[in-house]
């Protein structure tokens, strides 16, 4: 352990974040996340490790760290830093876990689905999400706000269940104006790219109106929707020791 590493170890915070291990050439060779940066990073330089980790530690000449506001933000940042830098030890040490994305399909009437595979199918992919639960929660809220198609093209005899829940326009059963449908798809894209303020404002107006009409259950439902949107769309705010601040979540991939 060199003097530079010793000095940096003494400055590590008791906060969640990501750390980037570098070799003698300044190349990032490993990216990791931690609930408590101080404990996790120091652990590499104390105690015993397996052979692969020992090899990693033997090449570390410097490190950087990025403080995040939560463990979830640390996970999201880790995913994106690995994708960006492709560190060799992440490839050697990684498991087969893949992270979920939200996908707007490339169909006549696009659907919003959850997937773990990013294909070259001209669809739009948003994520990655830290786990399928987070992706499901986001999709559940979007399903309530935007009635994109849930049914199959063969759904022509009667409306699907989601239509009766207000969550599907059933475009293969009803004569839905393509322009209207496209507008809804664009609103979903805008939401997932961070443009949720307008929708939040509209729901807030509905909440106020419901409260004025003494429809308190409905007002509470709108309130919960606003809270859920705020939770989902909180931007990843990071304090960085050596790198520039960056927003790492909510990007779309068009693999066409």
C-alpha atoms as a PDB file:
ATOM      1  CA  UNK A   1       0.000   0.000   0.000  1.00  0.00           C
ATOM      2  CA  UNK A   2       1.523   3.301  -1.085  1.00  0.00           C
ATOM      3  CA  UNK A   3       1.381   6.616   0.777  1.00  0.00           C
ATOM      4  CA  UNK A   4      -1.270   8.071  -1.523  1.00  0.00           C
ATOM      5  CA  UNK A   5      -3.657   5.211  -0.786  1.00  0.00           C
ATOM      6  CA  UNK A   6      -2.996   5.503   2.969  1.00  0.00           C
ATOM      7  CA  UNK A   7      -3.879   9.190   2.901  1.00  0.00           C
ATOM      8  CA  UNK A   8      -7.064   8.604   0.909  1.00  0.00           C
ATOM      9  CA  UNK A   9      -8.178   5.765   3.181  1.00  0.00           C
ATOM     10  CA  UNK A  10      -8.066   8.169   6.116  1.00  0.00           C
ATOM     11  CA  UNK A  11     -10.473  10.510   4.332  1.00  0.00           C
ATOM     12  CA  UNK A  12     -13.135   7.969   3.349  1.00  0.00           C
ATOM     13  CA  UNK A  13     -16.649   8.908   4.567  1.00  0.00           C
ATOM     14  CA  UNK A  14     -19.261   6.873   6.454  1.00  0.00           C
ATOM     15  CA  UNK A  15     -21.630   7.132   3.495  1.00  0.00           C
ATOM     16  CA  UNK A  16     -22.812   4.981   0.594  1.00  0.00           C
ATOM     17  CA  UNK A  17     -21.188   5.310  -2.792  1.00  0.00           C
ATOM     18  CA  UNK A  18     -18.970   3.775  -5.446  1.00  0.00           C
ATOM     19  CA  UNK A  19     -15.223   3.302  -5.602  1.00  0.00           C
ATOM     20  CA  UNK A  20     -12.980   2.995  -8.650  1.00  0.00           C
ATOM     21  CA  UNK A  21      -9.706   1.098  -8.301  1.00  0.00           C
ATOM     22  CA  UNK A  22      -6.848   2.136 -10.614  1.00  0.00           C
ATOM     23  CA  UNK A  23      -3.583   0.531 -11.687  1.00  0.00           C
ATOM     24  CA  UNK A  24      -0.180   2.185 -12.170  1.00  0.00           C
ATOM     25  CA  UNK A  25      -1.286   3.612 -15.524  1.00  0.00           C
ATOM     26  CA  UNK A  26      -4.387   5.242 -14.055  1.00  0.00           C
ATOM     27  CA  UNK A  27      -6.647   2.712 -15.773  1.00  0.00           C
ATOM     28  CA  UNK A  28      -9.812   1.800 -13.884  1.00  0.00           C
ATOM     29  CA  UNK A  29      -9.511  -1.924 -13.198  1.00  0.00           C
ATOM     30  CA  UNK A  30     -12.423  -2.411 -10.799  1.00  0.00           C
ATOM     31  CA  UNK A  31     -15.631  -0.602  -9.828  1.00  0.00           C
ATOM     32  CA  UNK A  32     -17.550  -1.481  -6.675  1.00  0.00           C
ATOM     33  CA  UNK A  33     -20.330  -0.118  -4.482  1.00  0.00           C
ATOM     34  CA  UNK A  34     -20.604   0.157  -0.714  1.00  0.00           C
ATOM     35  CA  UNK A  35     -23.162   0.947   1.964  1.00  0.00           C
ATOM     36  CA  UNK A  36     -20.305   2.504   3.952  1.00  0.00           C
ATOM     37  CA  UNK A  37     -17.388   3.523   1.750  1.00  0.00           C
ATOM     38  CA  UNK A  38     -14.884   3.733   4.600  1.00  0.00           C
ATOM     39  CA  UNK A  39     -15.428   0.136   5.698  1.00  0.00           C
ATOM     40  CA  UNK A  40     -15.632  -1.416   2.242  1.00  0.00           C
ATOM     41  CA  UNK A  41     -12.622   0.229   0.626  1.00  0.00           C
ATOM     42  CA  UNK A  42     -10.406  -0.287   3.693  1.00  0.00           C
ATOM     43  CA  UNK A  43     -11.302  -3.980   3.711  1.00  0.00           C
ATOM     44  CA  UNK A  44      -9.344  -4.494   0.483  1.00  0.00           C
ATOM     45  CA  UNK A  45      -6.115  -3.541   2.237  1.00  0.00           C
ATOM     46  CA  UNK A  46      -6.636  -5.558   5.435  1.00  0.00           C
ATOM     47  CA  UNK A  47      -7.199  -9.237   6.142  1.00  0.00           C
ATOM     48  CA  UNK A  48      -7.081 -12.163   3.739  1.00  0.00           C
ATOM     49  CA  UNK A  49      -8.835 -12.556   0.392  1.00  0.00           C
ATOM     50  CA  UNK A  50      -9.364 -15.169  -2.281  1.00  0.00           C
ATOM     51  CA  UNK A  51      -6.839 -15.477  -5.114  1.00  0.00           C
ATOM     52  CA  UNK A  52      -8.709 -13.256  -7.593  1.00  0.00           C
ATOM     53  CA  UNK A  53      -9.179 -10.457  -5.070  1.00  0.00           C
ATOM     54  CA  UNK A  54      -5.533 -10.709  -3.986  1.00  0.00           C
ATOM     55  CA  UNK A  55      -4.525 -10.273  -7.616  1.00  0.00           C
ATOM     56  CA  UNK A  56      -6.767  -7.210  -7.903  1.00  0.00           C
ATOM     57  CA  UNK A  57      -5.330  -5.649  -4.743  1.00  0.00           C
ATOM     58  CA  UNK A  58      -1.769  -6.239  -5.943  1.00  0.00           C
ATOM     59  CA  UNK A  59      -2.451  -4.007  -8.959  1.00  0.00           C
ATOM     60  CA  UNK A  60      -4.169  -1.134  -7.118  1.00  0.00           C
ATOM     61  CA  UNK A  61      -2.042   2.025  -7.122  1.00  0.00           C
ATOM     62  CA  UNK A  62      -4.808   4.587  -6.582  1.00  0.00           C
ATOM     63  CA  UNK A  63      -8.559   4.879  -6.167  1.00  0.00           C
ATOM     64  CA  UNK A  64     -11.384   7.386  -6.463  1.00  0.00           C
ATOM     65  CA  UNK A  65     -14.753   7.364  -4.771  1.00  0.00           C
ATOM     66  CA  UNK A  66     -18.147   8.928  -5.415  1.00  0.00           C
ATOM     67  CA  UNK A  67     -20.562   9.581  -2.557  1.00  0.00           C
ATOM     68  CA  UNK A  68     -24.259   8.957  -3.262  1.00  0.00           C
ATOM     69  CA  UNK A  69     -27.377   9.771  -1.263  1.00  0.00           C
ATOM     70  CA  UNK A  70     -28.564   6.168  -0.982  1.00  0.00           C
ATOM     71  CA  UNK A  71     -27.622   2.536  -1.546  1.00  0.00           C
ATOM     72  CA  UNK A  72     -29.941   2.407  -4.561  1.00  0.00           C
ATOM     73  CA  UNK A  73     -28.129   5.346  -6.158  1.00  0.00           C
ATOM     74  CA  UNK A  74     -24.820   3.601  -5.476  1.00  0.00           C
ATOM     75  CA  UNK A  75     -26.066   0.480  -7.258  1.00  0.00           C
ATOM     76  CA  UNK A  76     -27.323   2.448 -10.260  1.00  0.00           C
ATOM     77  CA  UNK A  77     -24.056   4.361 -10.475  1.00  0.00           C
ATOM     78  CA  UNK A  78     -22.030   1.150 -10.210  1.00  0.00           C
ATOM     79  CA  UNK A  79     -23.958  -0.374 -13.119  1.00  0.00           C
ATOM     80  CA  UNK A  80     -23.323   2.632 -15.329  1.00  0.00           C
ATOM     81  CA  UNK A  81     -19.657   3.031 -14.376  1.00  0.00           C
ATOM     82  CA  UNK A  82     -19.038  -0.621 -15.214  1.00  0.00           C
ATOM     83  CA  UNK A  83     -20.825  -0.218 -18.557  1.00  0.00           C
ATOM     84  CA  UNK A  84     -18.764   2.896 -19.328  1.00  0.00           C
ATOM     85  CA  UNK A  85     -15.307   1.715 -18.213  1.00  0.00           C
ATOM     86  CA  UNK A  86     -15.508  -2.074 -18.695  1.00  0.00           C
ATOM     87  CA  UNK A  87     -12.978  -2.748 -15.885  1.00  0.00           C
ATOM     88  CA  UNK A  88     -11.113  -6.004 -16.356  1.00  0.00           C
ATOM     89  CA  UNK A  89     -11.637  -7.262 -12.803  1.00  0.00           C
ATOM     90  CA  UNK A  90     -15.383  -6.698 -12.938  1.00  0.00           C
ATOM     91  CA  UNK A  91     -15.404  -9.062 -15.902  1.00  0.00           C
ATOM     92  CA  UNK A  92     -13.324 -11.621 -13.981  1.00  0.00           C
ATOM     93  CA  UNK A  93     -15.277 -11.356 -10.717  1.00  0.00           C
ATOM     94  CA  UNK A  94     -18.819 -10.674 -11.927  1.00  0.00           C
ATOM     95  CA  UNK A  95     -21.705 -13.126 -11.665  1.00  0.00           C
ATOM     96  CA  UNK A  96     -24.375 -13.705 -14.306  1.00  0.00           C
ATOM     97  CA  UNK A  97     -26.836 -11.219 -12.840  1.00  0.00           C
ATOM     98  CA  UNK A  98     -28.490  -8.926 -15.352  1.00  0.00           C
ATOM     99  CA  UNK A  99     -30.539  -5.871 -14.499  1.00  0.00           C
ATOM    100  CA  UNK A 100     -34.038  -5.082 -15.740  1.00  0.00           C
ATOM    101  CA  UNK A 101     -35.001  -2.340 -18.172  1.00  0.00           C
ATOM    102  CA  UNK A 102     -38.321  -0.803 -19.127  1.00  0.00           C
ATOM    103  CA  UNK A 103     -38.922  -1.221 -22.840  1.00  0.00           C
ATOM    104  CA  UNK A 104     -41.252   0.623 -25.207  1.00  0.00           C
ATOM    105  CA  UNK A 105     -41.740  -1.902 -27.984  1.00  0.00           C
ATOM    106  CA  UNK A 106     -41.396  -1.135 -31.681  1.00  0.00           C
ATOM    107  CA  UNK A 107     -44.923  -2.127 -32.760  1.00  0.00           C
ATOM    108  CA  UNK A 108     -47.917  -0.516 -34.455  1.00  0.00           C
ATOM    109  CA  UNK A 109     -49.326   0.109 -30.977  1.00  0.00           C
ATOM    110  CA  UNK A 110     -46.273   0.033 -28.676  1.00  0.00           C
ATOM    111  CA  UNK A 111     -46.409  -1.607 -25.254  1.00  0.00           C
ATOM    112  CA  UNK A 112     -44.462  -0.911 -22.073  1.00  0.00           C
ATOM    113  CA  UNK A 113     -42.789  -4.086 -20.813  1.00  0.00           C
ATOM    114  CA  UNK A 114     -40.005  -5.187 -18.460  1.00  0.00           C
ATOM    115  CA  UNK A 115     -37.045  -7.025 -19.940  1.00  0.00           C
ATOM    116  CA  UNK A 116     -33.530  -8.100 -18.993  1.00  0.00           C
ATOM    117  CA  UNK A 117     -32.342  -8.264 -22.608  1.00  0.00           C
ATOM    118  CA  UNK A 118     -31.430  -5.266 -24.771  1.00  0.00           C
ATOM    119  CA  UNK A 119     -31.961  -6.293 -28.385  1.00  0.00           C
ATOM    120  CA  UNK A 120     -31.387  -4.636 -31.749  1.00  0.00           C
ATOM    121  CA  UNK A 121     -35.113  -4.306 -32.371  1.00  0.00           C
ATOM    122  CA  UNK A 122     -35.541  -0.506 -32.712  1.00  0.00           C
ATOM    123  CA  UNK A 123     -37.285  -0.427 -29.347  1.00  0.00           C
ATOM    124  CA  UNK A 124     -36.515   2.108 -26.623  1.00  0.00           C
ATOM    125  CA  UNK A 125     -34.913   0.860 -23.401  1.00  0.00           C
ATOM    126  CA  UNK A 126     -34.868   2.787 -20.117  1.00  0.00           C
ATOM    127  CA  UNK A 127     -32.771   1.841 -17.111  1.00  0.00           C
ATOM    128  CA  UNK A 128     -31.153  -0.192 -15.813  1.00  0.00           C
ATOM    129  CA  UNK A 129     -33.205  -0.595 -12.640  1.00  0.00           C
ATOM    130  CA  UNK A 130     -31.594  -1.965  -9.454  1.00  0.00           C
ATOM    131  CA  UNK A 131     -33.993  -4.910  -9.319  1.00  0.00           C
ATOM    132  CA  UNK A 132     -37.191  -6.189 -10.877  1.00  0.00           C
ATOM    133  CA  UNK A 133     -39.193  -4.809  -7.939  1.00  0.00           C
ATOM    134  CA  UNK A 134     -38.149  -1.246  -8.769  1.00  0.00           C
ATOM    135  CA  UNK A 135     -38.952  -1.797 -12.443  1.00  0.00           C
ATOM    136  CA  UNK A 136     -42.343  -3.289 -11.559  1.00  0.00           C
ATOM    137  CA  UNK A 137     -43.203  -0.370  -9.276  1.00  0.00           C
ATOM    138  CA  UNK A 138     -42.342   2.121 -12.006  1.00  0.00           C
ATOM    139  CA  UNK A 139     -44.376   0.209 -14.586  1.00  0.00           C
ATOM    140  CA  UNK A 140     -47.328  -0.079 -12.217  1.00  0.00           C
ATOM    141  CA  UNK A 141     -47.493   3.704 -11.838  1.00  0.00           C
ATOM    142  CA  UNK A 142     -47.055   4.293 -15.562  1.00  0.00           C
ATOM    143  CA  UNK A 143     -49.825   1.776 -16.288  1.00  0.00           C
ATOM    144  CA  UNK A 144     -52.176   3.817 -14.112  1.00  0.00           C
ATOM    145  CA  UNK A 145     -51.190   7.079 -15.774  1.00  0.00           C
ATOM    146  CA  UNK A 146     -50.883   6.016 -19.413  1.00  0.00           C
ATOM    147  CA  UNK A 147     -53.277   3.426 -20.935  1.00  0.00           C
ATOM    148  CA  UNK A 148     -50.874   1.820 -23.406  1.00  0.00           C
ATOM    149  CA  UNK A 149     -51.839  -1.491 -24.957  1.00  0.00           C
ATOM    150  CA  UNK A 150     -51.722  -4.572 -22.744  1.00  0.00           C
ATOM    151  CA  UNK A 151     -53.810  -6.854 -24.979  1.00  0.00           C
ATOM    152  CA  UNK A 152     -52.772  -8.946 -27.973  1.00  0.00           C
ATOM    153  CA  UNK A 153     -53.580  -8.066 -31.611  1.00  0.00           C
ATOM    154  CA  UNK A 154     -56.055 -10.961 -31.527  1.00  0.00           C
ATOM    155  CA  UNK A 155     -58.101  -9.148 -28.839  1.00  0.00           C
ATOM    156  CA  UNK A 156     -60.923  -8.198 -31.229  1.00  0.00           C
ATOM    157  CA  UNK A 157     -64.030  -9.851 -29.753  1.00  0.00           C
ATOM    158  CA  UNK A 158     -64.235  -7.898 -26.503  1.00  0.00           C
ATOM    159  CA  UNK A 159     -62.179  -5.376 -24.504  1.00  0.00           C
ATOM    160  CA  UNK A 160     -59.489  -6.806 -22.235  1.00  0.00           C
ATOM    161  CA  UNK A 161     -59.528  -6.659 -18.432  1.00  0.00           C
ATOM    162  CA  UNK A 162     -57.060  -3.756 -18.405  1.00  0.00           C
ATOM    163  CA  UNK A 163     -59.487  -1.668 -20.466  1.00  0.00           C
ATOM    164  CA  UNK A 164     -62.040  -1.930 -17.667  1.00  0.00           C
ATOM    165  CA  UNK A 165     -59.325  -0.831 -15.212  1.00  0.00           C
ATOM    166  CA  UNK A 166     -58.560   2.204 -17.367  1.00  0.00           C
ATOM    167  CA  UNK A 167     -55.089   0.864 -18.202  1.00  0.00           C
ATOM    168  CA  UNK A 168     -55.469  -0.111 -21.876  1.00  0.00           C
ATOM    169  CA  UNK A 169     -57.054   1.574 -24.899  1.00  0.00           C
ATOM    170  CA  UNK A 170     -57.641  -1.796 -26.612  1.00  0.00           C
ATOM    171  CA  UNK A 171     -56.646  -0.394 -30.014  1.00  0.00           C
ATOM    172  CA  UNK A 172     -57.390  -3.687 -31.774  1.00  0.00           C
ATOM    173  CA  UNK A 173     -60.968  -3.660 -30.469  1.00  0.00           C
ATOM    174  CA  UNK A 174     -61.749   0.059 -30.572  1.00  0.00           C
ATOM    175  CA  UNK A 175     -60.996   2.491 -33.378  1.00  0.00           C
ATOM    176  CA  UNK A 176     -58.195   4.417 -31.668  1.00  0.00           C
ATOM    177  CA  UNK A 177     -56.765   7.441 -33.466  1.00  0.00           C
ATOM    178  CA  UNK A 178     -53.057   6.649 -34.134  1.00  0.00           C
ATOM    179  CA  UNK A 179     -52.166  10.280 -33.349  1.00  0.00           C
ATOM    180  CA  UNK A 180     -53.796   9.976 -29.926  1.00  0.00           C
ATOM    181  CA  UNK A 181     -51.903   6.755 -29.228  1.00  0.00           C
ATOM    182  CA  UNK A 182     -48.603   8.240 -30.414  1.00  0.00           C
ATOM    183  CA  UNK A 183     -49.103  11.196 -28.095  1.00  0.00           C
ATOM    184  CA  UNK A 184     -49.494   8.839 -25.120  1.00  0.00           C
ATOM    185  CA  UNK A 185     -46.333   6.968 -26.129  1.00  0.00           C
ATOM    186  CA  UNK A 186     -44.470  10.282 -26.331  1.00  0.00           C
ATOM    187  CA  UNK A 187     -45.707  11.190 -22.840  1.00  0.00           C
ATOM    188  CA  UNK A 188     -44.328   7.908 -21.480  1.00  0.00           C
ATOM    189  CA  UNK A 189     -40.976   8.568 -23.169  1.00  0.00           C
ATOM    190  CA  UNK A 190     -40.928  12.077 -21.747  1.00  0.00           C
ATOM    191  CA  UNK A 191     -41.757  10.782 -18.267  1.00  0.00           C
ATOM    192  CA  UNK A 192     -38.986   8.173 -18.351  1.00  0.00           C
ATOM    193  CA  UNK A 193     -36.507  10.778 -19.572  1.00  0.00           C
ATOM    194  CA  UNK A 194     -37.205  12.933 -16.531  1.00  0.00           C
ATOM    195  CA  UNK A 195     -39.976  15.192 -17.826  1.00  0.00           C
ATOM    196  CA  UNK A 196     -42.459  14.284 -15.138  1.00  0.00           C
ATOM    197  CA  UNK A 197     -43.119  17.751 -13.696  1.00  0.00           C
ATOM    198  CA  UNK A 198     -46.098  18.469 -15.979  1.00  0.00           C
ATOM    199  CA  UNK A 199     -47.782  15.174 -15.091  1.00  0.00           C
ATOM    200  CA  UNK A 200     -47.084  15.732 -11.416  1.00  0.00           C
ATOM    201  CA  UNK A 201     -48.649  19.197 -11.661  1.00  0.00           C
ATOM    202  CA  UNK A 202     -51.777  17.808 -13.337  1.00  0.00           C
ATOM    203  CA  UNK A 203     -52.193  15.163 -10.637  1.00  0.00           C
ATOM    204  CA  UNK A 204     -51.691  17.823  -7.965  1.00  0.00           C
ATOM    205  CA  UNK A 205     -54.516  19.876  -9.485  1.00  0.00           C
ATOM    206  CA  UNK A 206     -56.766  16.802  -9.422  1.00  0.00           C
ATOM    207  CA  UNK A 207     -55.827  16.199  -5.788  1.00  0.00           C
ATOM    208  CA  UNK A 208     -56.729  19.765  -4.803  1.00  0.00           C
ATOM    209  CA  UNK A 209     -60.027  19.580  -6.675  1.00  0.00           C
ATOM    210  CA  UNK A 210     -60.912  16.247  -5.053  1.00  0.00           C
ATOM    211  CA  UNK A 211     -60.138  17.676  -1.605  1.00  0.00           C
ATOM    212  CA  UNK A 212     -62.290  20.736  -2.305  1.00  0.00           C
ATOM    213  CA  UNK A 213     -65.144  18.397  -3.250  1.00  0.00           C
ATOM    214  CA  UNK A 214     -64.531  16.453  -0.011  1.00  0.00           C
ATOM    215  CA  UNK A 215     -63.555  13.360  -2.017  1.00  0.00           C
ATOM    216  CA  UNK A 216     -60.815  12.562   0.452  1.00  0.00           C
ATOM    217  CA  UNK A 217     -60.141   8.971  -0.621  1.00  0.00           C
ATOM    218  CA  UNK A 218     -59.610  10.096  -4.203  1.00  0.00           C
ATOM    219  CA  UNK A 219     -57.423  12.981  -3.002  1.00  0.00           C
ATOM    220  CA  UNK A 220     -55.323  10.533  -0.970  1.00  0.00           C
ATOM    221  CA  UNK A 221     -54.916   8.329  -4.043  1.00  0.00           C
ATOM    222  CA  UNK A 222     -53.644  11.299  -6.060  1.00  0.00           C
ATOM    223  CA  UNK A 223     -51.312  12.210  -3.192  1.00  0.00           C
ATOM    224  CA  UNK A 224     -49.877   8.688  -3.188  1.00  0.00           C
ATOM    225  CA  UNK A 225     -49.367   8.850  -6.957  1.00  0.00           C
ATOM    226  CA  UNK A 226     -47.403  12.085  -6.574  1.00  0.00           C
ATOM    227  CA  UNK A 227     -45.246  10.559  -3.840  1.00  0.00           C
ATOM    228  CA  UNK A 228     -44.604   7.477  -5.960  1.00  0.00           C
ATOM    229  CA  UNK A 229     -43.606   9.608  -8.948  1.00  0.00           C
ATOM    230  CA  UNK A 230     -41.240  11.653  -6.787  1.00  0.00           C
ATOM    231  CA  UNK A 231     -39.648   8.485  -5.435  1.00  0.00           C
ATOM    232  CA  UNK A 232     -39.159   6.986  -8.878  1.00  0.00           C
ATOM    233  CA  UNK A 233     -37.919  10.103 -10.602  1.00  0.00           C
ATOM    234  CA  UNK A 234     -35.544  11.383  -7.926  1.00  0.00           C
ATOM    235  CA  UNK A 235     -32.416  12.175  -9.849  1.00  0.00           C
ATOM    236  CA  UNK A 236     -29.176  10.572  -8.796  1.00  0.00           C
ATOM    237  CA  UNK A 237     -27.297  13.384  -7.035  1.00  0.00           C
ATOM    238  CA  UNK A 238     -23.690  12.510  -6.385  1.00  0.00           C
ATOM    239  CA  UNK A 239     -20.790  14.199  -4.671  1.00  0.00           C
ATOM    240  CA  UNK A 240     -17.616  13.261  -6.497  1.00  0.00           C
ATOM    241  CA  UNK A 241     -14.077  13.475  -5.176  1.00  0.00           C
ATOM    242  CA  UNK A 242     -12.280  13.439  -8.526  1.00  0.00           C
ATOM    243  CA  UNK A 243     -14.883  13.141 -11.284  1.00  0.00           C
ATOM    244  CA  UNK A 244     -17.532  15.560 -12.490  1.00  0.00           C
ATOM    245  CA  UNK A 245     -21.065  15.222 -11.127  1.00  0.00           C
ATOM    246  CA  UNK A 246     -23.231  13.207 -13.452  1.00  0.00           C
ATOM    247  CA  UNK A 247     -26.785  12.017 -13.859  1.00  0.00           C
ATOM    248  CA  UNK A 248     -26.661   8.287 -14.470  1.00  0.00           C
ATOM    249  CA  UNK A 249     -30.280   7.211 -14.585  1.00  0.00           C
ATOM    250  CA  UNK A 250     -33.161   7.573 -16.971  1.00  0.00           C
ATOM    251  CA  UNK A 251     -31.322   7.208 -20.256  1.00  0.00           C
ATOM    252  CA  UNK A 252     -32.818   5.499 -23.277  1.00  0.00           C
ATOM    253  CA  UNK A 253     -31.133   3.139 -25.698  1.00  0.00           C
ATOM    254  CA  UNK A 254     -32.337   2.885 -29.274  1.00  0.00           C
ATOM    255  CA  UNK A 255     -30.716  -0.242 -30.658  1.00  0.00           C
ATOM    256  CA  UNK A 256     -32.107   0.185 -34.165  1.00  0.00           C
END
